[in-house]
Amino acid sequence: MTSGPSERGEDVGQQLPLMVTAPPGPKSREVAERIAQVECPAFEARRESRAVASGHEQGAIVYARGRGSNVTDVDGNRYVDLTAGFGALAFGYNDVDLSAAVFAQSHKLSMALGDVYAADCKALLLEALAALYPESGARVLLGTSGADAVTAALKTAVLATGKAGVVAFNGSYHGLSHGPLAACGLSRKFRDPFIGQLNQYVKFIDYPGGELTPSIEALRAALGAGDVGAVLIEPMLGRGGCAALAPGFWAAAREACDEVGALLIADEVWTGMARSGWMLMSASMGATPDIVCLGKALGGGWPISATVGRKEVMEAWAKHGGSAIHTSTHAGHPSGVAAALEVIRKLSQQDWPALNRQLGERWMGVLRREVADDVLDIVGSGLMVGVRLKGGSTEALRVSRKLLHDGYIVLTGGVAGDVLTFTPAFNIAEPLLESAARALGRIVRNHAAPRGISGP
């Protein structure tokens, strides 16, 4: 790993951690307590549960400002953010180009009227998104979140096939609004309290990360009754731990769907827009899905998503004379559209998918050198990387907390909660990744205590 900030982004916002107090510091504690007094108690209950499970405090730090790959909390601690807003901050915090594009649009037109009277910039974005789809004539539905995009895709499948059945995969995550929640295979705990409100025609099979033949046989068995209208799959698990599909499964799934008249839906909310090393990871796997769901990196930090589908599939919406629609107040919001257009422009300036593939390969090489003997697996593609730890979810929570004390923000994931998931900004300086790998190596090898407090 030899390239630095000047090659992948500005030097600003590409600094190593600087810790002035152990996190969470007193100001973070004070603000977090104020939030806990008025916010839905689910989030504080989750932190308390994780603290008991890990034996380590899970109190929240509170962000104050960010630039590039650095975020600073209200206590003045500077971190390297290796999550980049759940993967949404394609070019890090407060990217100059994105901020300028959104600022210009907000001063020109702050809001339009959604699907009734659109902003002029909407036409440009719809055209750009349709052009990403591997076949001509694609149609696009804009939304505001990844879950919104998946909901639109599931609705489209019902309209196009007349079948409510869905095949989903254990370990998958598609969002927590009601449509996607029914197909959320990451944890039954997400679904069970609401099971009476969810689609009862969802069948779960294991995510095909191993041998091909048993996975295809399981899919064909799930499709056998003829009641399935959609097969919903992530080309690579995101929150589920960055595991990739078994080679050949995607093309075989395309064939199986065609045999029974089901739609193949690619949830590329995480993997799309260069994150995985491909603009559309599904398009690199030997078969074209009927529908692609995009989000996260598409907006570069602004809330926008898109459902992009084959023309004949999306035409099913028109058969209801406009009575069946999928829209919302902020769908096609001019600022989000401007951000997405700028992300697409920036991605086209350089071959960011290839750059991310190459950087991810080099970084995983460094991780293997630093920690391979002390972890179970290192997986991923592009800038979606998962490190599966020995010791299960308890160890993952412990390690992620010690990394926070060292100044690195990471998340845990995986079905068992035993994976550290890394989705840094595309233009992160490589020395920051090397430093994070060394910190991780120290922690998993030596069970090191948090690094000493440095000066301001």
Protein backbone atom coordinates (compact mmCIF):
# COMPACT_ATOMS: atom_id res chain seq x y z
CA MET A 1 0.00 0.00 0.00
CA THR A 2 1.85 3.04 -1.22
CA SER A 3 -0.53 5.72 -2.39
CA GLY A 4 -1.47 8.55 -0.05
CA PRO A 5 -4.09 11.26 0.33
CA SER A 6 -2.87 13.21 -2.69
CA GLU A 7 -3.73 10.27 -4.93
CA ARG A 8 -7.14 9.35 -3.52
CA GLY A 9 -8.37 12.61 -2.03
CA GLU A 10 -7.48 15.84 -0.30
CA ASP A 11 -5.08 15.84 2.62
CA VAL A 12 -7.75 17.62 4.67
CA GLY A 13 -9.76 15.13 6.70
CA GLN A 14 -7.16 12.37 6.33
CA GLN A 15 -5.48 12.56 9.74
CA LEU A 16 -4.66 9.87 12.27
CA PRO A 17 -6.70 9.73 15.49
CA LEU A 18 -6.11 12.24 18.26
CA MET A 19 -7.66 11.23 21.59
CA VAL A 20 -7.88 13.89 24.31
CA THR A 21 -10.15 11.95 26.68
CA ALA A 22 -11.36 8.38 26.97
CA PRO A 23 -14.61 7.94 25.03
CA PRO A 24 -17.31 8.67 25.80
CA GLY A 25 -16.03 11.90 27.29
CA PRO A 26 -18.04 14.06 29.69
CA LYS A 27 -19.67 16.18 27.00
CA SER A 28 -20.70 13.09 25.01
CA ARG A 29 -22.17 11.59 28.16
CA GLU A 30 -24.12 14.75 28.88
CA VAL A 31 -25.60 15.06 25.38
CA ALA A 32 -26.25 11.31 25.13
CA GLU A 33 -28.16 11.44 28.41
CA ARG A 34 -30.32 14.29 27.12
CA ILE A 35 -31.07 12.27 24.00
CA ALA A 36 -31.90 9.17 26.04
CA GLN A 37 -34.45 11.10 28.08
CA VAL A 38 -36.60 11.89 25.05
CA GLU A 39 -35.68 9.39 22.32
CA CYS A 40 -37.39 6.05 21.77
CA PRO A 41 -35.83 3.79 24.45
CA ALA A 42 -34.99 1.00 21.98
CA PHE A 43 -31.53 2.40 21.25
CA GLU A 44 -30.48 2.86 24.88
CA ALA A 45 -31.80 -0.61 25.68
CA ARG A 46 -29.63 -2.03 22.88
CA ARG A 47 -26.54 -0.31 24.29
CA GLU A 48 -27.26 -1.65 27.76
CA SER A 49 -27.77 -5.16 26.42
CA ARG A 50 -24.49 -5.03 24.53
CA ALA A 51 -22.66 -3.74 27.59
CA VAL A 52 -23.88 -6.72 29.61
CA ALA A 53 -23.00 -9.17 26.83
CA SER A 54 -19.50 -7.79 26.22
CA GLY A 55 -18.52 -6.72 29.71
CA HIS A 56 -17.48 -3.37 28.25
CA GLU A 57 -19.27 -0.05 28.36
CA GLN A 58 -21.13 0.75 25.14
CA GLY A 59 -21.96 4.38 25.89
CA ALA A 60 -22.37 6.58 22.85
CA ILE A 61 -19.98 9.23 21.63
CA VAL A 62 -21.68 12.27 20.08
CA TYR A 63 -20.42 13.66 16.78
CA ALA A 64 -19.73 17.39 16.46
CA ARG A 65 -18.13 17.80 13.02
CA GLY A 66 -16.57 15.80 10.22
CA ARG A 67 -14.29 16.24 7.23
CA GLY A 68 -13.06 13.59 4.84
CA SER A 69 -12.44 10.39 6.80
CA ASN A 70 -12.23 12.15 10.15
CA VAL A 71 -15.01 12.83 12.61
CA THR A 72 -14.61 14.79 15.85
CA ASP A 73 -16.82 14.28 18.88
CA VAL A 74 -18.12 16.97 21.23
CA ASP A 75 -15.18 16.28 23.58
CA GLY A 76 -12.62 17.06 20.89
CA ASN A 77 -11.54 13.47 20.13
CA ARG A 78 -10.65 12.99 16.47
CA TYR A 79 -11.46 9.59 14.97
CA VAL A 80 -10.86 7.79 11.70
CA ASP A 81 -14.34 6.74 10.58
CA LEU A 82 -14.20 3.33 8.93
CA THR A 83 -18.00 3.12 8.59
CA ALA A 84 -18.62 6.31 6.54
CA GLY A 85 -22.23 6.68 7.59
CA PHE A 86 -23.13 3.00 7.12
CA GLY A 87 -21.37 3.22 3.73
CA ALA A 88 -23.35 6.22 2.51
CA LEU A 89 -20.54 8.81 2.64
CA ALA A 90 -18.91 7.80 -0.62
CA PHE A 91 -16.48 10.71 -0.51
CA GLY A 92 -16.43 11.27 3.22
CA TYR A 93 -17.73 14.09 5.36
CA ASN A 94 -18.44 17.50 3.84
CA ASP A 95 -17.03 16.77 0.41
CA VAL A 96 -16.46 20.14 -1.26
CA ASP A 97 -18.02 19.16 -4.59
CA LEU A 98 -21.14 17.57 -3.09
CA SER A 99 -21.65 20.42 -0.67
CA ALA A 100 -21.36 22.95 -3.48
CA ALA A 101 -23.82 21.06 -5.69
CA VAL A 102 -26.41 20.78 -2.92
CA PHE A 103 -25.89 24.38 -1.85
CA ALA A 104 -26.39 25.63 -5.42
CA GLN A 105 -29.53 23.55 -5.88
CA SER A 106 -31.03 24.59 -2.53
CA HIS A 107 -30.63 28.24 -3.46
CA LYS A 108 -32.20 27.62 -6.84
CA LEU A 109 -35.14 25.43 -5.75
CA SER A 110 -35.59 24.06 -2.22
CA MET A 111 -38.42 21.64 -3.04
CA ALA A 112 -40.62 20.51 -5.91
CA LEU A 113 -43.90 18.60 -5.87
CA GLY A 114 -42.67 15.03 -6.04
CA ASP A 115 -44.40 12.95 -8.68
CA VAL A 116 -46.84 15.74 -9.58
CA TYR A 117 -44.54 18.60 -10.67
CA ALA A 118 -40.89 17.60 -10.69
CA ALA A 119 -37.74 19.69 -10.43
CA ASP A 120 -35.84 20.01 -13.70
CA CYS A 121 -32.80 18.18 -12.28
CA LYS A 122 -34.90 15.05 -11.79
CA ALA A 123 -34.82 14.34 -15.52
CA LEU A 124 -31.03 14.29 -15.52
CA LEU A 125 -30.86 11.85 -12.62
CA LEU A 126 -33.48 9.48 -14.04
CA GLU A 127 -31.56 9.37 -17.31
CA ALA A 128 -28.26 8.73 -15.52
CA LEU A 129 -29.72 5.94 -13.40
CA ALA A 130 -31.43 4.28 -16.35
CA ALA A 131 -28.09 4.32 -18.17
CA LEU A 132 -26.50 2.29 -15.35
CA TYR A 133 -28.85 -0.62 -16.00
CA PRO A 134 -27.26 -3.15 -18.40
CA GLU A 135 -30.18 -3.06 -20.86
CA SER A 136 -31.75 -0.13 -22.66
CA GLY A 137 -35.16 1.25 -21.77
CA ALA A 138 -34.93 0.89 -17.99
CA ARG A 139 -37.41 2.76 -15.80
CA VAL A 140 -36.68 4.32 -12.41
CA LEU A 141 -38.57 4.99 -9.16
CA LEU A 142 -36.90 7.42 -6.75
CA GLY A 143 -37.18 7.10 -2.98
CA THR A 144 -35.52 8.38 0.15
CA SER A 145 -33.96 5.26 1.73
CA GLY A 146 -32.69 1.82 0.83
CA ALA A 147 -35.70 0.23 2.53
CA ASP A 148 -37.91 2.43 0.38
CA ALA A 149 -36.18 1.14 -2.77
CA VAL A 150 -36.65 -2.49 -1.69
CA THR A 151 -40.31 -1.83 -0.87
CA ALA A 152 -40.82 -0.45 -4.37
CA ALA A 153 -39.10 -3.51 -5.86
CA LEU A 154 -41.33 -5.92 -3.91
CA LYS A 155 -44.42 -4.00 -4.97
CA THR A 156 -43.24 -4.11 -8.56
CA ALA A 157 -42.84 -7.89 -8.37
CA VAL A 158 -46.44 -8.34 -7.22
CA LEU A 159 -47.76 -6.08 -9.97
CA ALA A 160 -45.66 -7.76 -12.67
CA THR A 161 -46.19 -11.41 -11.67
CA GLY A 162 -49.40 -11.46 -9.63
CA LYS A 163 -47.58 -13.54 -7.02
CA ALA A 164 -47.01 -12.39 -3.45
CA GLY A 165 -44.39 -15.03 -2.60
CA VAL A 166 -40.78 -14.00 -1.99
CA VAL A 167 -37.61 -16.04 -1.60
CA ALA A 168 -35.16 -14.36 0.76
CA PHE A 169 -31.93 -15.47 2.39
CA ASN A 170 -30.72 -16.10 5.90
CA GLY A 171 -28.16 -13.46 6.76
CA SER A 172 -29.65 -10.84 4.47
CA TYR A 173 -30.66 -7.33 5.47
CA HIS A 174 -32.97 -5.16 3.37
CA GLY A 175 -34.20 -2.53 5.84
CA LEU A 176 -36.78 -2.51 8.60
CA SER A 177 -39.93 -0.98 7.10
CA HIS A 178 -42.68 -3.54 6.76
CA GLY A 179 -42.10 -4.79 3.21
CA PRO A 180 -38.34 -5.39 3.56
CA LEU A 181 -38.68 -6.49 7.19
CA ALA A 182 -40.65 -9.56 6.12
CA ALA A 183 -37.63 -10.58 4.01
CA CYS A 184 -34.98 -9.67 6.61
CA GLY A 185 -33.00 -12.85 7.25
CA LEU A 186 -30.31 -11.33 9.45
CA SER A 187 -32.19 -11.91 12.70
CA ARG A 188 -35.63 -13.23 13.56
CA LYS A 189 -35.62 -10.81 16.50
CA PHE A 190 -36.22 -7.98 14.04
CA ARG A 191 -39.29 -9.69 12.56
CA ASP A 192 -40.95 -11.60 15.37
CA PRO A 193 -42.67 -8.73 17.25
CA PHE A 194 -44.36 -7.63 14.02
CA ILE A 195 -44.96 -11.00 12.38
CA GLY A 196 -48.73 -10.54 12.27
CA GLN A 197 -48.32 -7.46 10.06
CA LEU A 198 -45.81 -8.93 7.62
CA ASN A 199 -46.03 -10.77 4.31
CA GLN A 200 -46.66 -14.41 5.26
CA TYR A 201 -45.48 -15.70 1.89
CA VAL A 202 -41.73 -15.24 2.42
CA LYS A 203 -39.53 -18.34 2.28
CA PHE A 204 -36.00 -18.24 3.69
CA ILE A 205 -33.09 -20.34 2.45
CA ASP A 206 -29.43 -20.19 3.41
CA TYR A 207 -27.31 -17.54 1.74
CA PRO A 208 -25.32 -19.35 -0.96
CA GLY A 209 -21.79 -18.60 0.19
CA GLY A 210 -20.48 -22.16 -0.05
CA GLU A 211 -20.98 -24.95 -2.57
CA LEU A 212 -23.16 -24.14 -5.56
CA THR A 213 -25.24 -27.29 -6.05
CA PRO A 214 -27.02 -27.46 -2.65
CA SER A 215 -27.79 -23.73 -2.86
CA ILE A 216 -29.40 -24.00 -6.29
CA GLU A 217 -31.36 -27.08 -5.22
CA ALA A 218 -32.70 -25.15 -2.21
CA LEU A 219 -33.71 -22.24 -4.44
CA ARG A 220 -35.46 -24.48 -6.95
CA ALA A 221 -37.33 -26.21 -4.13
CA ALA A 222 -38.49 -22.84 -2.78
CA LEU A 223 -39.66 -21.86 -6.26
CA GLY A 224 -41.30 -25.21 -6.92
CA ALA A 225 -44.82 -24.38 -5.72
CA GLY A 226 -45.14 -21.65 -8.35
CA ASP A 227 -46.28 -18.99 -5.88
CA VAL A 228 -43.10 -16.90 -5.80
CA GLY A 229 -42.95 -13.58 -7.63
CA ALA A 230 -39.56 -12.38 -6.42
CA VAL A 231 -36.16 -13.67 -5.41
CA LEU A 232 -34.55 -10.91 -3.33
CA ILE A 233 -30.80 -11.15 -2.81
CA GLU A 234 -27.75 -9.06 -1.98
CA PRO A 235 -24.88 -9.78 -4.40
CA MET A 236 -22.72 -9.61 -1.27
CA LEU A 237 -24.04 -9.49 2.26
CA GLY A 238 -23.72 -6.04 3.82
CA ARG A 239 -24.82 -6.00 7.42
CA GLY A 240 -24.63 -9.78 7.26
CA GLY A 241 -20.83 -9.69 7.23
CA CYS A 242 -19.55 -8.97 3.69
CA ALA A 243 -19.79 -12.59 2.51
CA ALA A 244 -19.87 -13.11 -1.26
CA LEU A 245 -22.12 -15.36 -3.31
CA ALA A 246 -20.86 -18.75 -4.41
CA PRO A 247 -19.45 -18.46 -7.94
CA GLY A 248 -22.09 -19.30 -10.50
CA PHE A 249 -25.08 -18.87 -8.21
CA TRP A 250 -26.23 -15.58 -9.68
CA ALA A 251 -26.48 -16.92 -13.24
CA ALA A 252 -28.15 -20.10 -11.98
CA ALA A 253 -30.66 -18.03 -10.00
CA ARG A 254 -31.45 -16.04 -13.14
CA GLU A 255 -32.22 -19.28 -14.98
CA ALA A 256 -34.34 -20.64 -12.11
CA CYS A 257 -36.39 -17.42 -11.93
CA ASP A 258 -37.01 -17.45 -15.67
CA GLU A 259 -38.31 -21.02 -15.50
CA VAL A 260 -41.10 -20.09 -13.07
CA GLY A 261 -41.78 -16.48 -14.02
CA ALA A 262 -40.29 -14.91 -10.89
CA LEU A 263 -38.31 -11.66 -10.83
CA LEU A 264 -34.68 -11.56 -9.75
CA ILE A 265 -34.16 -8.50 -7.52
CA ALA A 266 -30.65 -7.30 -6.66
CA ASP A 267 -30.48 -5.32 -3.43
CA GLU A 268 -27.43 -3.19 -4.23
CA VAL A 269 -28.10 -0.55 -1.60
CA TRP A 270 -24.71 -1.40 -0.07
CA THR A 271 -22.82 -2.95 -2.97
CA GLY A 272 -23.81 -0.49 -5.71
CA MET A 273 -22.29 2.80 -6.84
CA ALA A 274 -18.67 1.52 -6.67
CA ARG A 275 -18.76 0.45 -3.00
CA SER A 276 -18.10 -3.23 -3.82
CA GLY A 277 -15.69 -2.37 -6.63
CA TRP A 278 -18.45 -2.31 -9.26
CA MET A 279 -21.04 0.28 -10.22
CA LEU A 280 -23.51 -2.61 -10.16
CA MET A 281 -22.01 -5.75 -8.67
CA SER A 282 -24.86 -7.84 -10.08
CA ALA A 283 -23.97 -6.78 -13.62
CA SER A 284 -20.50 -8.25 -13.17
CA MET A 285 -21.82 -11.69 -12.22
CA GLY A 286 -22.99 -13.06 -15.53
CA ALA A 287 -26.71 -12.26 -15.54
CA THR A 288 -28.92 -9.17 -15.44
CA PRO A 289 -31.45 -8.83 -12.61
CA ASP A 290 -34.96 -7.62 -13.36
CA ILE A 291 -34.71 -4.90 -10.71
CA VAL A 292 -31.78 -3.20 -8.95
CA CYS A 293 -32.18 -1.30 -5.66
CA LEU A 294 -29.74 1.55 -5.00
CA GLY A 295 -29.16 3.82 -2.03
CA LYS A 296 -26.45 4.70 0.52
CA ALA A 297 -23.48 5.84 -1.64
CA LEU A 298 -25.87 7.10 -4.32
CA GLY A 299 -26.54 10.24 -2.27
CA GLY A 300 -23.08 10.65 -0.80
CA GLY A 301 -24.68 11.39 2.57
CA TRP A 302 -27.97 12.90 1.40
CA PRO A 303 -31.11 10.70 1.64
CA ILE A 304 -32.03 9.34 -1.78
CA SER A 305 -32.59 5.90 -3.26
CA ALA A 306 -33.67 4.38 -6.54
CA THR A 307 -35.39 1.30 -7.87
CA VAL A 308 -34.23 0.63 -11.43
CA GLY A 309 -36.00 -2.02 -13.45
CA ARG A 310 -36.36 -3.62 -16.84
CA LYS A 311 -38.83 -1.73 -19.01
CA GLU A 312 -41.39 -4.52 -19.42
CA VAL A 313 -41.34 -5.23 -15.68
CA MET A 314 -41.82 -1.62 -14.64
CA GLU A 315 -44.66 -1.19 -17.15
CA ALA A 316 -46.82 -3.20 -14.75
CA TRP A 317 -47.34 0.02 -12.78
CA ALA A 318 -49.10 1.66 -15.74
CA LYS A 319 -51.70 -1.11 -16.05
CA HIS A 320 -53.54 0.26 -13.01
CA GLY A 321 -54.14 3.65 -14.58
CA GLY A 322 -52.12 5.42 -11.92
CA SER A 323 -54.09 4.08 -8.98
CA ALA A 324 -51.07 1.99 -7.95
CA ILE A 325 -48.18 4.34 -7.24
CA HIS A 326 -45.18 4.42 -4.95
CA THR A 327 -44.14 7.89 -3.87
CA SER A 328 -43.64 10.15 -0.86
CA THR A 329 -43.36 13.83 0.02
CA HIS A 330 -39.60 13.98 -0.44
CA ALA A 331 -39.17 11.53 -3.33
CA GLY A 332 -37.14 13.32 -5.98
CA HIS A 333 -36.21 16.10 -3.55
CA PRO A 334 -34.02 18.57 -5.49
CA SER A 335 -31.16 18.56 -2.97
CA GLY A 336 -30.98 14.76 -2.91
CA VAL A 337 -31.15 14.68 -6.71
CA ALA A 338 -28.32 17.22 -6.92
CA ALA A 339 -26.21 15.14 -4.55
CA ALA A 340 -26.81 11.94 -6.53
CA LEU A 341 -25.93 13.67 -9.80
CA GLU A 342 -22.69 14.92 -8.28
CA VAL A 343 -21.83 11.44 -6.97
CA ILE A 344 -22.39 9.98 -10.43
CA ARG A 345 -20.31 12.77 -11.99
CA LYS A 346 -17.44 12.18 -9.57
CA LEU A 347 -17.56 8.43 -10.08
CA SER A 348 -17.32 8.96 -13.83
CA GLN A 349 -14.30 11.27 -13.57
CA GLN A 350 -12.09 8.40 -12.48
CA ASP A 351 -12.62 4.66 -12.57
CA TRP A 352 -13.65 4.56 -8.92
CA PRO A 353 -15.00 0.99 -9.09
CA ALA A 354 -11.58 -0.26 -10.22
CA LEU A 355 -9.79 1.99 -7.71
CA ASN A 356 -11.93 0.62 -4.90
CA ARG A 357 -11.35 -2.97 -6.02
CA GLN A 358 -7.61 -2.41 -6.06
CA LEU A 359 -7.53 -0.59 -2.72
CA GLY A 360 -9.73 -3.24 -1.11
CA GLU A 361 -7.42 -6.01 -2.31
CA ARG A 362 -4.35 -4.22 -0.96
CA TRP A 363 -6.02 -3.47 2.34
CA MET A 364 -7.21 -7.03 2.83
CA GLY A 365 -3.63 -8.06 2.15
CA VAL A 366 -2.46 -5.82 4.99
CA LEU A 367 -5.20 -7.15 7.27
CA ARG A 368 -4.15 -10.72 6.51
CA ARG A 369 -0.57 -9.85 7.34
CA GLU A 370 -1.58 -8.19 10.62
CA VAL A 371 -4.36 -10.43 11.94
CA ALA A 372 -4.88 -13.56 9.81
CA ASP A 373 -3.54 -15.94 12.49
CA ASP A 374 -5.80 -14.42 15.13
CA VAL A 375 -9.17 -14.23 13.31
CA LEU A 376 -11.43 -16.71 11.56
CA ASP A 377 -11.78 -15.03 8.18
CA ILE A 378 -11.24 -11.85 6.16
CA VAL A 379 -13.74 -11.38 3.34
CA GLY A 380 -15.12 -8.70 1.07
CA SER A 381 -14.80 -6.87 -2.20
CA GLY A 382 -13.87 -3.27 -2.87
CA LEU A 383 -14.41 -1.14 0.21
CA MET A 384 -16.79 -3.60 1.87
CA VAL A 385 -14.59 -5.70 4.14
CA GLY A 386 -15.51 -8.06 6.96
CA VAL A 387 -13.22 -9.55 9.61
CA ARG A 388 -14.78 -12.49 11.44
CA LEU A 389 -13.38 -12.81 14.94
CA LYS A 390 -12.80 -15.73 17.24
CA GLY A 391 -14.96 -15.53 20.33
CA GLY A 392 -18.29 -14.58 18.75
CA SER A 393 -20.31 -11.43 19.27
CA THR A 394 -18.84 -10.81 22.72
CA GLU A 395 -15.37 -10.53 21.27
CA ALA A 396 -16.58 -8.38 18.37
CA LEU A 397 -18.16 -5.89 20.76
CA ARG A 398 -15.02 -5.87 22.90
CA VAL A 399 -12.69 -5.34 19.94
CA SER A 400 -14.85 -2.65 18.35
CA ARG A 401 -14.90 -0.79 21.66
CA LYS A 402 -11.13 -0.98 22.06
CA LEU A 403 -10.76 0.29 18.50
CA LEU A 404 -12.96 3.24 19.47
CA HIS A 405 -10.60 4.01 22.34
CA ASP A 406 -7.75 3.93 19.83
CA GLY A 407 -9.68 6.38 17.65
CA TYR A 408 -11.20 4.10 14.98
CA ILE A 409 -14.97 3.87 14.43
CA VAL A 410 -16.15 0.44 13.26
CA LEU A 411 -19.40 -1.54 13.36
CA THR A 412 -20.15 -5.15 14.16
CA GLY A 413 -22.21 -7.33 11.86
CA GLY A 414 -22.72 -10.89 10.69
CA VAL A 415 -25.52 -13.28 11.57
CA ALA A 416 -23.77 -14.17 14.82
CA GLY A 417 -22.61 -10.59 15.43
CA ASP A 418 -18.98 -11.76 15.24
CA VAL A 419 -17.83 -9.72 12.24
CA LEU A 420 -16.22 -6.28 12.17
CA THR A 421 -17.56 -4.54 9.04
CA PHE A 422 -15.55 -1.82 7.33
CA THR A 423 -17.04 0.55 4.73
CA PRO A 424 -14.72 3.60 4.64
CA ALA A 425 -14.96 6.55 2.28
CA PHE A 426 -13.68 5.85 -1.22
CA ASN A 427 -11.00 8.55 -0.97
CA ILE A 428 -9.62 7.51 2.41
CA ALA A 429 -5.85 7.84 2.69
CA GLU A 430 -4.20 4.43 2.67
CA PRO A 431 -1.97 5.18 5.69
CA LEU A 432 -5.17 5.43 7.75
CA LEU A 433 -6.17 1.92 6.68
CA GLU A 434 -2.71 0.60 7.49
CA SER A 435 -2.84 2.22 10.91
CA ALA A 436 -6.26 0.73 11.61
CA ALA A 437 -5.02 -2.73 10.61
CA ARG A 438 -2.08 -2.42 13.00
CA ALA A 439 -4.38 -1.28 15.82
CA LEU A 440 -6.67 -4.24 15.16
CA GLY A 441 -3.68 -6.57 15.19
CA ARG A 442 -2.52 -5.29 18.57
CA ILE A 443 -5.97 -5.70 20.06
CA VAL A 444 -6.77 -9.20 18.83
CA ARG A 445 -3.27 -10.51 19.61
CA ASN A 446 -2.62 -8.98 22.96
CA HIS A 447 -6.02 -8.00 24.30
CA ALA A 448 -4.36 -4.61 24.65
CA ALA A 449 -5.76 -1.96 26.91
CA PRO A 450 -6.83 1.31 25.27
CA ARG A 451 -4.00 3.52 24.16
CA GLY A 452 -2.90 6.27 26.55
CA ILE A 453 -4.49 9.68 26.30
CA SER A 454 -2.59 12.05 24.06
CA GLY A 455 -2.36 15.78 24.40
CA PRO A 456 -4.58 18.27 22.60
